[in-house]
Amino acid sequence: MIKVAVESPQQEDIAALLSQSDAVAAALYPGAFRRAITPASLDAPEISLFVARIAEHAIGCCALLDRGDGTAEIKRMIVDEAHRGSGAGASLLAALDGAAERRGIRTLLLEVGIRNVAAYALYRRAGFTPCAAFAPYIADPISRFLAKSVSTKA
């Protein structure tokens, strides 16, 4: 059973997942377009790290960056290669959606590379639709930008 909770990024198993994320990014996007990420870079008050676990084993994670304007950006989703297709990605997105709703966030945003076909398909199944580039990004040839309205309770 997959359980998702907000956790500290400063854990060895999270560092391993982020290293795996960097390796995937390096394989898909060698060169200047790649942005490395570390547990320390996710350890900030405006960032919540969601971790998917089976028992004690971290099998996936992603960050929710509250932009302070009613929007939040999903950053660096990764599911361990051995657990892809298990529903971990969908579980993480559902947890993010619920947290965004509780926090009064109206829109979730994300950027995904054009070569990351599996992630793009997951986001589209979860209700994300294409949108224009949002700050701090600018449109570039390897990125797709997506948004999803969050149903907030009045």
Protein backbone atom coordinates (compact mmCIF):
# COMPACT_ATOMS: atom_id res chain seq x y z
CA MET A 1 0.00 0.00 0.00
CA ILE A 2 1.36 3.41 -1.02
CA LYS A 3 1.25 6.12 1.62
CA VAL A 4 2.08 9.75 0.85
CA ALA A 5 3.12 12.29 3.49
CA VAL A 6 5.01 15.56 3.74
CA GLU A 7 8.53 14.88 4.97
CA SER A 8 11.88 16.56 5.36
CA PRO A 9 14.03 16.45 2.23
CA GLN A 10 17.11 15.93 4.41
CA GLN A 11 17.04 12.12 4.32
CA GLU A 12 19.34 9.63 2.61
CA ASP A 13 16.53 7.91 0.71
CA ILE A 14 15.31 11.28 -0.59
CA ALA A 15 18.85 12.15 -1.71
CA ALA A 16 18.93 8.82 -3.58
CA LEU A 17 15.63 9.60 -5.34
CA LEU A 18 16.86 13.07 -6.30
CA SER A 19 20.07 11.55 -7.68
CA GLN A 20 17.92 9.21 -9.75
CA SER A 21 15.93 12.22 -10.97
CA ASP A 22 19.15 13.98 -11.98
CA ALA A 23 20.30 10.86 -13.84
CA VAL A 24 17.01 10.70 -15.77
CA ALA A 25 17.31 14.40 -16.61
CA ALA A 26 20.93 13.94 -17.72
CA ALA A 27 19.96 11.08 -20.03
CA LEU A 28 17.07 13.00 -21.56
CA TYR A 29 18.62 16.48 -21.64
CA PRO A 30 22.41 16.53 -21.72
CA GLY A 31 23.99 19.95 -21.45
CA ALA A 32 22.84 23.39 -20.49
CA PHE A 33 19.11 22.77 -20.09
CA ARG A 34 19.49 20.51 -17.06
CA ARG A 35 18.96 21.85 -13.54
CA ALA A 36 20.39 19.75 -10.70
CA ILE A 37 18.53 19.60 -7.40
CA THR A 38 19.62 18.63 -3.89
CA PRO A 39 17.82 17.95 -0.62
CA ALA A 40 19.16 21.29 0.69
CA SER A 41 17.56 23.16 -2.22
CA LEU A 42 14.17 21.72 -1.25
CA ASP A 43 14.54 22.60 2.44
CA ALA A 44 12.73 25.95 2.43
CA PRO A 45 9.57 27.24 4.16
CA GLU A 46 7.67 27.70 0.88
CA ILE A 47 8.40 24.12 -0.26
CA SER A 48 6.63 20.97 0.92
CA LEU A 49 8.19 17.67 -0.08
CA PHE A 50 5.69 14.85 -0.62
CA VAL A 51 7.11 11.36 -0.27
CA ALA A 52 5.44 8.14 -1.42
CA ARG A 53 6.39 5.10 0.62
CA ILE A 54 5.64 1.43 0.67
CA ALA A 55 6.28 0.40 4.26
CA GLU A 56 9.49 2.27 5.14
CA HIS A 57 10.85 2.43 1.59
CA ALA A 58 10.67 5.79 -0.22
CA ILE A 59 9.54 4.99 -3.77
CA GLY A 60 8.85 8.49 -5.04
CA CYS A 61 8.72 12.17 -4.22
CA CYS A 62 7.85 15.58 -5.55
CA ALA A 63 7.90 19.11 -4.22
CA LEU A 64 5.15 21.69 -4.01
CA LEU A 65 6.47 25.25 -4.18
CA ASP A 66 3.92 27.77 -2.90
CA ARG A 67 4.44 30.85 -5.06
CA GLY A 68 2.49 33.06 -2.63
CA ASP A 69 0.01 34.28 -5.24
CA GLY A 70 -2.62 31.53 -5.18
CA THR A 71 -0.49 29.30 -7.40
CA ALA A 72 1.96 26.54 -6.60
CA GLU A 73 4.51 24.79 -8.78
CA ILE A 74 5.10 21.06 -8.77
CA LYS A 75 8.81 20.43 -8.96
CA ARG A 76 10.99 17.39 -9.53
CA MET A 77 8.63 14.46 -9.41
CA ILE A 78 10.45 11.15 -9.47
CA VAL A 79 9.29 7.58 -8.94
CA ASP A 80 11.92 4.93 -8.37
CA GLU A 81 12.44 2.97 -11.57
CA ALA A 82 11.43 -0.31 -9.90
CA HIS A 83 8.07 1.19 -8.88
CA ARG A 84 7.04 2.99 -12.05
CA GLY A 85 3.56 1.94 -13.08
CA SER A 86 2.62 1.17 -9.45
CA GLY A 87 0.38 4.20 -9.04
CA ALA A 88 2.95 6.11 -6.98
CA GLY A 89 2.96 9.08 -9.37
CA ALA A 90 -0.83 9.32 -9.34
CA SER A 91 -0.81 9.01 -5.53
CA LEU A 92 1.69 11.86 -5.24
CA LEU A 93 -0.38 14.08 -7.55
CA ALA A 94 -3.58 13.31 -5.60
CA ALA A 95 -1.84 14.25 -2.34
CA LEU A 96 -0.56 17.49 -3.87
CA ASP A 97 -4.03 18.32 -5.17
CA GLY A 98 -5.56 17.77 -1.73
CA ALA A 99 -2.90 19.84 0.00
CA ALA A 100 -3.32 22.65 -2.53
CA GLU A 101 -7.07 22.67 -1.93
CA ARG A 102 -6.64 22.81 1.85
CA ARG A 103 -4.15 25.69 1.50
CA GLY A 104 -6.40 27.73 -0.78
CA ILE A 105 -4.13 27.37 -3.80
CA ARG A 106 -6.18 27.95 -6.95
CA THR A 107 -3.79 26.71 -9.64
CA LEU A 108 -1.07 24.08 -9.85
CA LEU A 109 1.68 24.71 -12.41
CA LEU A 110 4.52 22.59 -13.72
CA GLU A 111 7.19 22.43 -16.38
CA VAL A 112 8.09 19.13 -18.01
CA GLY A 113 10.62 18.40 -20.72
CA ILE A 114 9.36 17.36 -24.13
CA ARG A 115 11.30 14.09 -24.00
CA ASN A 116 9.74 12.99 -20.71
CA VAL A 117 6.77 11.38 -22.43
CA ALA A 118 5.68 9.21 -19.49
CA ALA A 119 5.55 12.16 -17.07
CA TYR A 120 3.66 14.28 -19.60
CA ALA A 121 1.07 11.51 -20.03
CA LEU A 122 0.69 11.17 -16.24
CA TYR A 123 0.10 14.91 -15.85
CA ARG A 124 -2.45 14.97 -18.65
CA ARG A 125 -4.34 12.02 -17.09
CA ALA A 126 -4.37 13.96 -13.82
CA GLY A 127 -6.14 16.90 -15.49
CA PHE A 128 -3.27 19.22 -16.34
CA THR A 129 -3.60 21.18 -19.59
CA PRO A 130 -1.04 23.09 -21.65
CA CYS A 131 -0.44 26.73 -20.68
CA ALA A 132 2.03 29.50 -21.44
CA ALA A 133 5.43 29.62 -19.77
CA PHE A 134 5.22 31.12 -16.27
CA ALA A 135 7.86 33.02 -14.30
CA PRO A 136 10.68 32.37 -13.71
CA TYR A 137 10.68 30.29 -16.91
CA ILE A 138 10.71 31.51 -20.47
CA ALA A 139 9.46 29.48 -23.40
CA ASP A 140 12.18 27.21 -24.77
CA PRO A 141 12.28 24.38 -27.29
CA ILE A 142 12.53 21.55 -24.74
CA SER A 143 9.86 22.52 -22.21
CA ARG A 144 6.13 22.08 -21.93
CA PHE A 145 4.16 24.06 -19.38
CA LEU A 146 0.99 22.73 -17.78
CA ALA A 147 -1.62 24.03 -15.34
CA LYS A 148 -4.53 22.62 -13.40
CA SER A 149 -7.27 24.46 -11.55
CA VAL A 150 -7.72 23.31 -7.99
CA SER A 151 -11.27 23.09 -6.71
CA THR A 152 -11.23 25.10 -3.52
CA LYS A 153 -14.09 25.03 -1.07
CA ALA A 154 -15.86 28.38 -0.70
